[in-house]
Amino acid sequence: MIEVFILAFALSMDAFAVSIGLGVKEKSDSGKLALQAAAFFGIFQAIMPFIGYVGGVGLTHYIQGYDTLIAFILLCFIGAKMIYEAFGENVEEEISLVSNKVLLMLAIATSIDAMAAGFSLHLLSVNIYLALMIIGSVTFFISILGVYIGQKGGAQFESQAEILGGVVLIMIAFKILLF
């Protein structure tokens, strides 16, 4: 079960980085913004891995024997992508107004990686519903924290959060491959 918490933490780093950016951008009504961002990010971080999980289970018959390697490749790719994106431009800089539509688009964008990571959940032999609740809850609380850190001037943590999340995902990939 510890793997699920580590995976949840790693997957939440994209949402954390974006939440920091939202907090930096939107200084007024921090409580409302924090709850809105956390709700959007938490819900989508829970839904997308389920989609990946169902796809992985549906393909098990066809990829049996290769599923560990595929999970390894996917998690390494997602981790490397997060590290690469940490050095790029932040999407929050292009946003002029934080609305529900913007939060929805950001939630989808930050949770696409979680869908791919959901494929590996069946390899961890955990209760999928409990795992999804943990992933969604961790992301929810990490996103609230991100907004508040951003509002207190913590923009420098955005890139570090994404790098940390990427490194942790790569470490999980190696654990799945080697054990």
N, C-alpha and C. Protein backbone atom coordinates (compact mmCIF):
# COMPACT_ATOMS: atom_id res chain seq x y z
N MET A 1 0.83 -1.20 0.00
CA MET A 1 0.00 0.00 0.00
C MET A 1 0.87 1.26 0.00
N ILE A 2 2.08 1.16 0.53
CA ILE A 2 2.97 2.32 0.55
C ILE A 2 3.28 2.78 -0.88
N GLU A 3 3.31 1.82 -1.82
CA GLU A 3 3.56 2.17 -3.22
C GLU A 3 2.47 3.09 -3.76
N VAL A 4 1.24 2.88 -3.31
CA VAL A 4 0.12 3.72 -3.77
C VAL A 4 0.29 5.15 -3.26
N PHE A 5 0.70 5.30 -2.01
CA PHE A 5 0.93 6.65 -1.47
C PHE A 5 2.08 7.34 -2.21
N ILE A 6 3.12 6.60 -2.50
CA ILE A 6 4.26 7.17 -3.23
C ILE A 6 3.83 7.54 -4.65
N LEU A 7 3.08 6.65 -5.30
CA LEU A 7 2.57 6.94 -6.64
C LEU A 7 1.66 8.16 -6.60
N ALA A 8 0.78 8.23 -5.61
CA ALA A 8 -0.14 9.37 -5.48
C ALA A 8 0.64 10.67 -5.32
N PHE A 9 1.66 10.63 -4.48
CA PHE A 9 2.49 11.81 -4.27
C PHE A 9 3.16 12.23 -5.58
N ALA A 10 3.74 11.28 -6.28
CA ALA A 10 4.43 11.59 -7.54
C ALA A 10 3.47 12.15 -8.58
N LEU A 11 2.30 11.52 -8.71
CA LEU A 11 1.33 11.99 -9.70
C LEU A 11 0.77 13.36 -9.34
N SER A 12 0.72 13.68 -8.06
CA SER A 12 0.16 14.97 -7.63
C SER A 12 1.11 16.14 -7.87
N MET A 13 2.35 15.88 -8.23
CA MET A 13 3.33 16.96 -8.38
C MET A 13 3.00 17.88 -9.55
N ASP A 14 2.41 17.36 -10.63
CA ASP A 14 1.96 18.24 -11.71
C ASP A 14 0.89 19.20 -11.20
N ALA A 15 -0.09 18.65 -10.49
CA ALA A 15 -1.17 19.49 -9.94
C ALA A 15 -0.61 20.47 -8.91
N PHE A 16 0.37 20.03 -8.13
CA PHE A 16 1.01 20.91 -7.15
C PHE A 16 1.70 22.08 -7.84
N ALA A 17 2.45 21.78 -8.89
CA ALA A 17 3.16 22.84 -9.62
C ALA A 17 2.17 23.84 -10.24
N VAL A 18 1.11 23.33 -10.84
CA VAL A 18 0.10 24.22 -11.44
C VAL A 18 -0.62 25.00 -10.34
N SER A 19 -0.89 24.37 -9.21
CA SER A 19 -1.54 25.07 -8.10
C SER A 19 -0.68 26.21 -7.57
N ILE A 20 0.62 25.99 -7.50
CA ILE A 20 1.52 27.07 -7.09
C ILE A 20 1.40 28.23 -8.08
N GLY A 21 1.41 27.91 -9.36
CA GLY A 21 1.27 28.95 -10.39
C GLY A 21 -0.06 29.69 -10.28
N LEU A 22 -1.12 28.97 -9.98
CA LEU A 22 -2.43 29.61 -9.80
C LEU A 22 -2.41 30.52 -8.58
N GLY A 23 -1.77 30.07 -7.51
CA GLY A 23 -1.67 30.89 -6.31
C GLY A 23 -0.86 32.15 -6.53
N VAL A 24 0.20 32.05 -7.32
CA VAL A 24 1.02 33.22 -7.65
C VAL A 24 0.19 34.20 -8.46
N LYS A 25 -0.59 33.68 -9.40
CA LYS A 25 -1.36 34.51 -10.32
C LYS A 25 -2.57 35.15 -9.65
N GLU A 26 -3.27 34.41 -8.83
CA GLU A 26 -4.53 34.84 -8.24
C GLU A 26 -4.35 35.08 -6.76
N LYS A 27 -4.19 36.31 -6.36
CA LYS A 27 -3.91 36.65 -4.96
C LYS A 27 -5.18 36.82 -4.12
N SER A 28 -6.31 37.06 -4.74
CA SER A 28 -7.54 37.31 -3.97
C SER A 28 -8.31 36.00 -3.74
N ASP A 29 -9.04 35.94 -2.65
CA ASP A 29 -9.91 34.82 -2.30
C ASP A 29 -9.19 33.47 -2.40
N SER A 30 -8.13 33.36 -1.63
CA SER A 30 -7.27 32.17 -1.68
C SER A 30 -8.01 30.90 -1.26
N GLY A 31 -8.90 30.98 -0.30
CA GLY A 31 -9.62 29.80 0.16
C GLY A 31 -10.49 29.19 -0.93
N LYS A 32 -11.22 30.05 -1.62
CA LYS A 32 -12.10 29.57 -2.70
C LYS A 32 -11.27 28.96 -3.82
N LEU A 33 -10.22 29.64 -4.25
CA LEU A 33 -9.37 29.13 -5.32
C LEU A 33 -8.72 27.81 -4.92
N ALA A 34 -8.24 27.72 -3.70
CA ALA A 34 -7.59 26.50 -3.23
C ALA A 34 -8.56 25.32 -3.27
N LEU A 35 -9.79 25.53 -2.81
CA LEU A 35 -10.77 24.45 -2.82
C LEU A 35 -11.21 24.08 -4.23
N GLN A 36 -11.38 25.08 -5.09
CA GLN A 36 -11.76 24.79 -6.47
C GLN A 36 -10.67 24.00 -7.18
N ALA A 37 -9.45 24.47 -7.09
CA ALA A 37 -8.34 23.79 -7.76
C ALA A 37 -8.18 22.37 -7.20
N ALA A 38 -8.26 22.24 -5.89
CA ALA A 38 -8.10 20.93 -5.25
C ALA A 38 -9.20 19.97 -5.69
N ALA A 39 -10.43 20.46 -5.79
CA ALA A 39 -11.54 19.60 -6.21
C ALA A 39 -11.34 19.13 -7.66
N PHE A 40 -11.04 20.06 -8.54
CA PHE A 40 -10.83 19.68 -9.95
C PHE A 40 -9.66 18.71 -10.09
N PHE A 41 -8.53 19.06 -9.51
CA PHE A 41 -7.33 18.21 -9.66
C PHE A 41 -7.51 16.87 -8.97
N GLY A 42 -8.08 16.87 -7.76
CA GLY A 42 -8.28 15.62 -7.03
C GLY A 42 -9.21 14.66 -7.74
N ILE A 43 -10.32 15.18 -8.25
CA ILE A 43 -11.29 14.33 -8.95
C ILE A 43 -10.68 13.74 -10.22
N PHE A 44 -10.03 14.57 -11.01
CA PHE A 44 -9.46 14.06 -12.26
C PHE A 44 -8.27 13.14 -12.03
N GLN A 45 -7.49 13.40 -10.97
CA GLN A 45 -6.38 12.49 -10.66
C GLN A 45 -6.89 11.15 -10.18
N ALA A 46 -8.12 11.07 -9.71
CA ALA A 46 -8.71 9.79 -9.31
C ALA A 46 -9.39 9.09 -10.49
N ILE A 47 -10.01 9.85 -11.37
CA ILE A 47 -10.73 9.26 -12.50
C ILE A 47 -9.77 8.72 -13.57
N MET A 48 -8.77 9.48 -13.91
CA MET A 48 -7.89 9.09 -15.02
C MET A 48 -7.12 7.79 -14.76
N PRO A 49 -6.59 7.56 -13.56
CA PRO A 49 -5.92 6.27 -13.35
C PRO A 49 -6.89 5.09 -13.47
N PHE A 50 -8.16 5.33 -13.12
CA PHE A 50 -9.15 4.26 -13.27
C PHE A 50 -9.31 3.89 -14.74
N ILE A 51 -9.34 4.90 -15.60
CA ILE A 51 -9.44 4.65 -17.04
C ILE A 51 -8.22 3.84 -17.51
N GLY A 52 -7.04 4.24 -17.06
CA GLY A 52 -5.83 3.50 -17.40
C GLY A 52 -5.84 2.09 -16.85
N TYR A 53 -6.34 1.93 -15.63
CA TYR A 53 -6.42 0.61 -14.99
C TYR A 53 -7.34 -0.31 -15.79
N VAL A 54 -8.52 0.20 -16.15
CA VAL A 54 -9.48 -0.61 -16.92
C VAL A 54 -8.87 -0.99 -18.26
N GLY A 55 -8.19 -0.05 -18.90
CA GLY A 55 -7.53 -0.37 -20.17
C GLY A 55 -6.45 -1.42 -19.99
N GLY A 56 -5.68 -1.31 -18.92
CA GLY A 56 -4.63 -2.29 -18.65
C GLY A 56 -5.18 -3.67 -18.37
N VAL A 57 -6.26 -3.73 -17.59
CA VAL A 57 -6.88 -5.02 -17.29
C VAL A 57 -7.48 -5.61 -18.56
N GLY A 58 -8.09 -4.77 -19.39
CA GLY A 58 -8.68 -5.24 -20.64
C GLY A 58 -7.65 -5.79 -21.61
N LEU A 59 -6.45 -5.29 -21.53
CA LEU A 59 -5.39 -5.73 -22.44
C LEU A 59 -4.52 -6.84 -21.86
N THR A 60 -4.79 -7.22 -20.61
CA THR A 60 -3.93 -8.19 -19.93
C THR A 60 -3.74 -9.46 -20.74
N HIS A 61 -4.79 -9.96 -21.33
CA HIS A 61 -4.70 -11.20 -22.11
C HIS A 61 -3.71 -11.04 -23.28
N TYR A 62 -3.69 -9.88 -23.88
CA TYR A 62 -2.85 -9.65 -25.06
C TYR A 62 -1.40 -9.31 -24.71
N ILE A 63 -1.20 -8.73 -23.55
CA ILE A 63 0.15 -8.27 -23.19
C ILE A 63 0.79 -9.08 -22.07
N GLN A 64 0.13 -10.18 -21.73
CA GLN A 64 0.65 -11.02 -20.64
C GLN A 64 2.11 -11.37 -20.90
N GLY A 65 2.92 -11.20 -19.91
CA GLY A 65 4.35 -11.45 -20.07
C GLY A 65 5.13 -10.19 -20.38
N TYR A 66 4.46 -9.20 -20.91
CA TYR A 66 5.10 -7.92 -21.25
C TYR A 66 4.56 -6.77 -20.39
N ASP A 67 3.55 -7.05 -19.56
CA ASP A 67 2.89 -5.97 -18.82
C ASP A 67 3.85 -5.24 -17.88
N THR A 68 4.77 -5.96 -17.27
CA THR A 68 5.75 -5.31 -16.38
C THR A 68 6.65 -4.37 -17.18
N LEU A 69 7.10 -4.82 -18.33
CA LEU A 69 7.96 -4.00 -19.19
C LEU A 69 7.20 -2.77 -19.70
N ILE A 70 5.95 -2.97 -20.07
CA ILE A 70 5.14 -1.85 -20.57
C ILE A 70 4.92 -0.83 -19.44
N ALA A 71 4.61 -1.30 -18.23
CA ALA A 71 4.43 -0.39 -17.10
C ALA A 71 5.73 0.36 -16.82
N PHE A 72 6.85 -0.34 -16.88
CA PHE A 72 8.16 0.28 -16.68
C PHE A 72 8.38 1.40 -17.70
N ILE A 73 8.14 1.10 -18.96
CA ILE A 73 8.36 2.09 -20.03
C ILE A 73 7.42 3.29 -19.84
N LEU A 74 6.15 3.02 -19.56
CA LEU A 74 5.19 4.12 -19.37
C LEU A 74 5.58 5.03 -18.21
N LEU A 75 5.91 4.42 -17.06
CA LEU A 75 6.27 5.23 -15.89
C LEU A 75 7.57 6.00 -16.11
N CYS A 76 8.54 5.37 -16.77
CA CYS A 76 9.79 6.09 -17.09
C CYS A 76 9.51 7.25 -18.04
N PHE A 77 8.67 7.02 -19.03
CA PHE A 77 8.33 8.07 -19.99
C PHE A 77 7.62 9.23 -19.29
N ILE A 78 6.64 8.90 -18.44
CA ILE A 78 5.91 9.95 -17.72
C ILE A 78 6.86 10.72 -16.81
N GLY A 79 7.72 10.01 -16.10
CA GLY A 79 8.69 10.67 -15.21
C GLY A 79 9.63 11.57 -15.98
N ALA A 80 10.15 11.08 -17.10
CA ALA A 80 11.06 11.88 -17.92
C ALA A 80 10.34 13.10 -18.49
N LYS A 81 9.09 12.91 -18.87
CA LYS A 81 8.28 14.02 -19.40
C LYS A 81 8.08 15.09 -18.33
N MET A 82 7.81 14.67 -17.10
CA MET A 82 7.63 15.63 -16.01
C MET A 82 8.93 16.41 -15.76
N ILE A 83 10.05 15.71 -15.78
CA ILE A 83 11.33 16.38 -15.57
C ILE A 83 11.60 17.36 -16.70
N TYR A 84 11.35 16.94 -17.94
CA TYR A 84 11.55 17.81 -19.10
C TYR A 84 10.66 19.06 -19.01
N GLU A 85 9.40 18.85 -18.65
CA GLU A 85 8.46 19.98 -18.57
C GLU A 85 8.81 20.95 -17.46
N ALA A 86 9.55 20.48 -16.46
CA ALA A 86 9.95 21.36 -15.37
C ALA A 86 10.86 22.49 -15.86
N PHE A 87 11.52 22.26 -16.97
CA PHE A 87 12.44 23.27 -17.51
C PHE A 87 11.80 24.13 -18.59
N GLY A 88 10.52 23.87 -18.90
CA GLY A 88 9.83 24.63 -19.93
C GLY A 88 9.01 25.76 -19.35
N GLU A 89 8.20 26.35 -20.21
CA GLU A 89 7.33 27.45 -19.78
C GLU A 89 6.17 26.91 -18.98
N ASN A 90 5.65 27.71 -18.09
CA ASN A 90 4.50 27.32 -17.28
C ASN A 90 3.22 27.77 -17.97
N VAL A 91 2.26 26.86 -18.05
CA VAL A 91 1.01 27.16 -18.72
C VAL A 91 0.23 28.26 -17.99
N GLU A 92 0.45 28.40 -16.68
CA GLU A 92 -0.31 29.39 -15.92
C GLU A 92 -0.01 30.82 -16.36
N GLU A 93 1.17 31.03 -16.97
CA GLU A 93 1.54 32.37 -17.40
C GLU A 93 0.64 32.86 -18.54
N GLU A 94 0.05 31.93 -19.28
CA GLU A 94 -0.80 32.29 -20.41
C GLU A 94 -2.26 32.53 -20.01
N ILE A 95 -2.60 32.24 -18.77
CA ILE A 95 -3.98 32.34 -18.31
C ILE A 95 -4.22 33.75 -17.76
N SER A 96 -5.28 34.38 -18.27
CA SER A 96 -5.57 35.73 -17.80
C SER A 96 -6.61 35.71 -16.68
N LEU A 97 -7.52 34.74 -16.67
CA LEU A 97 -8.57 34.67 -15.66
C LEU A 97 -8.75 33.21 -15.25
N VAL A 98 -8.73 32.95 -13.96
CA VAL A 98 -8.92 31.59 -13.46
C VAL A 98 -10.42 31.35 -13.31
N SER A 99 -10.97 30.51 -14.20
CA SER A 99 -12.39 30.18 -14.17
C SER A 99 -12.54 28.66 -14.04
N ASN A 100 -13.78 28.23 -13.87
CA ASN A 100 -14.02 26.78 -13.81
C ASN A 100 -13.61 26.10 -15.11
N LYS A 101 -13.82 26.76 -16.23
CA LYS A 101 -13.42 26.19 -17.52
C LYS A 101 -11.90 26.03 -17.58
N VAL A 102 -11.18 27.02 -17.11
CA VAL A 102 -9.71 26.96 -17.08
C VAL A 102 -9.26 25.85 -16.14
N LEU A 103 -9.88 25.76 -14.96
CA LEU A 103 -9.52 24.72 -14.01
C LEU A 103 -9.81 23.32 -14.57
N LEU A 104 -10.91 23.18 -15.30
CA LEU A 104 -11.24 21.91 -15.92
C LEU A 104 -10.16 21.51 -16.93
N MET A 105 -9.77 22.45 -17.76
CA MET A 105 -8.74 22.16 -18.77
C MET A 105 -7.40 21.84 -18.11
N LEU A 106 -7.05 22.55 -17.05
CA LEU A 106 -5.81 22.27 -16.33
C LEU A 106 -5.87 20.91 -15.64
N ALA A 107 -7.04 20.57 -15.09
CA ALA A 107 -7.20 19.28 -14.42
C ALA A 107 -7.04 18.13 -15.41
N ILE A 108 -7.60 18.28 -16.58
CA ILE A 108 -7.44 17.24 -17.61
C ILE A 108 -5.98 17.15 -18.03
N ALA A 109 -5.37 18.30 -18.27
CA ALA A 109 -3.97 18.31 -18.72
C ALA A 109 -3.03 17.69 -17.69
N THR A 110 -3.25 17.97 -16.41
CA THR A 110 -2.35 17.45 -15.39
C THR A 110 -2.64 15.99 -15.05
N SER A 111 -3.77 15.47 -15.48
CA SER A 111 -4.12 14.09 -15.12
C SER A 111 -3.93 13.09 -16.26
N ILE A 112 -3.55 13.54 -17.43
CA ILE A 112 -3.30 12.62 -18.54
C ILE A 112 -2.22 11.62 -18.15
N ASP A 113 -1.17 12.09 -17.49
CA ASP A 113 -0.11 11.20 -17.04
C ASP A 113 -0.64 10.16 -16.06
N ALA A 114 -1.60 10.56 -15.24
CA ALA A 114 -2.17 9.64 -14.26
C ALA A 114 -2.93 8.51 -14.95
N MET A 115 -3.50 8.79 -16.12
CA MET A 115 -4.19 7.74 -16.86
C MET A 115 -3.18 6.68 -17.30
N ALA A 116 -2.06 7.10 -17.81
CA ALA A 116 -1.03 6.15 -18.22
C ALA A 116 -0.48 5.39 -17.02
N ALA A 117 -0.30 6.08 -15.91
CA ALA A 117 0.20 5.42 -14.69
C ALA A 117 -0.82 4.43 -14.14
N GLY A 118 -2.10 4.68 -14.38
CA GLY A 118 -3.14 3.76 -13.92
C GLY A 118 -3.00 2.37 -14.49
N PHE A 119 -2.38 2.29 -15.63
CA PHE A 119 -2.12 0.99 -16.25
C PHE A 119 -1.32 0.09 -15.32
N SER A 120 -0.41 0.68 -14.56
CA SER A 120 0.47 -0.10 -13.69
C SER A 120 -0.19 -0.50 -12.37
N LEU A 121 -1.36 0.03 -12.05
CA LEU A 121 -1.99 -0.25 -10.76
C LEU A 121 -2.31 -1.74 -10.58
N HIS A 122 -2.67 -2.44 -11.64
CA HIS A 122 -2.98 -3.86 -11.46
C HIS A 122 -1.74 -4.68 -11.13
N LEU A 123 -0.56 -4.14 -11.40
CA LEU A 123 0.68 -4.82 -11.05
C LEU A 123 1.02 -4.68 -9.57
N LEU A 124 0.44 -3.70 -8.92
CA LEU A 124 0.73 -3.46 -7.50
C LEU A 124 -0.14 -4.31 -6.58
N SER A 125 -1.10 -5.03 -7.11
CA SER A 125 -1.98 -5.90 -6.33
C SER A 125 -2.61 -5.16 -5.16
N VAL A 126 -3.31 -4.09 -5.47
CA VAL A 126 -3.99 -3.30 -4.44
C VAL A 126 -5.47 -3.19 -4.80
N ASN A 127 -6.27 -2.82 -3.82
CA ASN A 127 -7.67 -2.55 -4.06
C ASN A 127 -7.74 -1.27 -4.91
N ILE A 128 -8.25 -1.37 -6.11
CA ILE A 128 -8.24 -0.24 -7.05
C ILE A 128 -9.03 0.94 -6.51
N TYR A 129 -10.15 0.69 -5.86
CA TYR A 129 -10.98 1.79 -5.38
C TYR A 129 -10.30 2.53 -4.23
N LEU A 130 -9.65 1.80 -3.37
CA LEU A 130 -8.89 2.43 -2.30
C LEU A 130 -7.72 3.22 -2.88
N ALA A 131 -7.04 2.65 -3.87
CA ALA A 131 -5.92 3.34 -4.51
C ALA A 131 -6.38 4.64 -5.16
N LEU A 132 -7.53 4.62 -5.82
CA LEU A 132 -8.05 5.82 -6.47
C LEU A 132 -8.43 6.89 -5.44
N MET A 133 -9.00 6.45 -4.33
CA MET A 133 -9.34 7.41 -3.26
C MET A 133 -8.07 8.03 -2.68
N ILE A 134 -7.03 7.24 -2.53
CA ILE A 134 -5.77 7.76 -2.01
C ILE A 134 -5.16 8.76 -2.99
N ILE A 135 -5.13 8.39 -4.26
CA ILE A 135 -4.57 9.29 -5.29
C ILE A 135 -5.34 10.59 -5.34
N GLY A 136 -6.67 10.52 -5.35
CA GLY A 136 -7.49 11.73 -5.39
C GLY A 136 -7.33 12.58 -4.14
N SER A 137 -7.28 11.95 -2.98
CA SER A 137 -7.15 12.68 -1.72
C SER A 137 -5.79 13.35 -1.57
N VAL A 138 -4.74 12.62 -1.91
CA VAL A 138 -3.40 13.20 -1.84
C VAL A 138 -3.31 14.40 -2.77
N THR A 139 -3.82 14.26 -3.98
CA THR A 139 -3.79 15.37 -4.93
C THR A 139 -4.61 16.54 -4.42
N PHE A 140 -5.76 16.26 -3.82
CA PHE A 140 -6.62 17.31 -3.26
C PHE A 140 -5.83 18.16 -2.25
N PHE A 141 -5.22 17.50 -1.28
CA PHE A 141 -4.52 18.23 -0.22
C PHE A 141 -3.23 18.88 -0.73
N ILE A 142 -2.54 18.23 -1.63
CA ILE A 142 -1.32 18.81 -2.21
C ILE A 142 -1.67 20.05 -3.03
N SER A 143 -2.81 20.03 -3.71
CA SER A 143 -3.23 21.19 -4.51
C SER A 143 -3.58 22.39 -3.63
N ILE A 144 -4.25 22.13 -2.51
CA ILE A 144 -4.56 23.22 -1.57
C ILE A 144 -3.24 23.84 -1.09
N LEU A 145 -2.32 22.99 -0.70
CA LEU A 145 -1.02 23.46 -0.24
C LEU A 145 -0.32 24.27 -1.33
N GLY A 146 -0.41 23.81 -2.57
CA GLY A 146 0.23 24.50 -3.69
C GLY A 146 -0.29 25.92 -3.89
N VAL A 147 -1.60 26.09 -3.82
CA VAL A 147 -2.18 27.43 -3.97
C VAL A 147 -1.66 28.35 -2.88
N TYR A 148 -1.65 27.88 -1.65
CA TYR A 148 -1.18 28.72 -0.55
C TYR A 148 0.31 29.03 -0.65
N ILE A 149 1.09 28.06 -1.06
CA ILE A 149 2.53 28.31 -1.25
C ILE A 149 2.73 29.35 -2.36
N GLY A 150 1.98 29.21 -3.45
CA GLY A 150 2.07 30.18 -4.54
C GLY A 150 1.70 31.58 -4.11
N GLN A 151 0.68 31.70 -3.28
CA GLN A 151 0.26 33.02 -2.83
C GLN A 151 1.25 33.64 -1.85
N LYS A 152 2.02 32.80 -1.21
CA LYS A 152 3.04 33.31 -0.27
C LYS A 152 4.39 33.54 -0.96
N GLY A 153 4.40 33.43 -2.29
CA GLY A 153 5.62 33.73 -3.03
C GLY A 153 6.49 32.53 -3.33
N GLY A 154 5.89 31.36 -3.43
CA GLY A 154 6.67 30.15 -3.63
C GLY A 154 6.78 29.69 -5.07
N ALA A 155 6.80 30.60 -6.02
CA ALA A 155 6.85 30.22 -7.44
C ALA A 155 8.09 29.41 -7.79
N GLN A 156 9.16 29.59 -7.03
CA GLN A 156 10.40 28.87 -7.33
C GLN A 156 10.25 27.37 -7.09
N PHE A 157 9.19 26.92 -6.38
CA PHE A 157 9.01 25.50 -6.09
C PHE A 157 8.33 24.73 -7.22
N GLU A 158 7.79 25.43 -8.21
CA GLU A 158 7.07 24.76 -9.29
C GLU A 158 7.93 23.72 -9.99
N SER A 159 9.08 24.14 -10.47
CA SER A 159 9.95 23.23 -11.22
C SER A 159 10.47 22.11 -10.34
N GLN A 160 10.85 22.42 -9.12
CA GLN A 160 11.36 21.39 -8.22
C GLN A 160 10.31 20.32 -7.94
N ALA A 161 9.05 20.71 -7.83
CA ALA A 161 7.98 19.76 -7.58
C ALA A 161 7.83 18.80 -8.75
N GLU A 162 7.87 19.33 -9.96
CA GLU A 162 7.75 18.47 -11.14
C GLU A 162 8.95 17.55 -11.28
N ILE A 163 10.13 18.03 -10.98
CA ILE A 163 11.33 17.18 -11.05
C ILE A 163 11.22 16.06 -10.02
N LEU A 164 10.83 16.40 -8.81
CA LEU A 164 10.68 15.39 -7.77
C LEU A 164 9.66 14.32 -8.19
N GLY A 165 8.52 14.76 -8.69
CA GLY A 165 7.49 13.82 -9.15
C GLY A 165 8.00 12.91 -10.25
N GLY A 166 8.76 13.46 -11.19
CA GLY A 166 9.33 12.66 -12.27
C GLY A 166 10.32 11.63 -11.77
N VAL A 167 11.18 12.03 -10.86
CA VAL A 167 12.18 11.11 -10.30
C VAL A 167 11.50 9.98 -9.54
N VAL A 168 10.47 10.31 -8.77
CA VAL A 168 9.76 9.28 -8.00
C VAL A 168 9.08 8.29 -8.94
N LEU A 169 8.46 8.77 -10.02
CA LEU A 169 7.82 7.87 -10.97
C LEU A 169 8.85 6.93 -11.61
N ILE A 170 10.01 7.44 -11.94
CA ILE A 170 11.06 6.59 -12.51
C ILE A 170 11.51 5.55 -11.49
N MET A 171 11.60 5.94 -10.24
CA MET A 171 11.97 4.98 -9.19
C MET A 171 10.91 3.89 -9.04
N ILE A 172 9.64 4.25 -9.11
CA ILE A 172 8.56 3.25 -9.06
C ILE A 172 8.67 2.32 -10.25
N ALA A 173 8.98 2.86 -11.42
CA ALA A 173 9.14 2.04 -12.61
C ALA A 173 10.21 0.97 -12.40
N PHE A 174 11.34 1.36 -11.85
CA PHE A 174 12.41 0.39 -11.60
C PHE A 174 12.02 -0.63 -10.54
N LYS A 175 11.24 -0.19 -9.55
CA LYS A 175 10.78 -1.15 -8.54
C LYS A 175 9.88 -2.21 -9.19
N ILE A 176 8.97 -1.78 -10.05
CA ILE A 176 8.08 -2.72 -10.74
C ILE A 176 8.89 -3.67 -11.62
N LEU A 177 9.87 -3.15 -12.30
CA LEU A 177 10.67 -3.97 -13.21
C LEU A 177 11.54 -4.99 -12.46
N LEU A 178 12.15 -4.56 -11.36
CA LEU A 178 13.12 -5.40 -10.68
C LEU A 178 12.53 -6.32 -9.62
N PHE A 179 11.34 -6.02 -9.11
CA PHE A 179 10.80 -6.84 -8.02
C PHE A 179 9.53 -7.49 -8.37
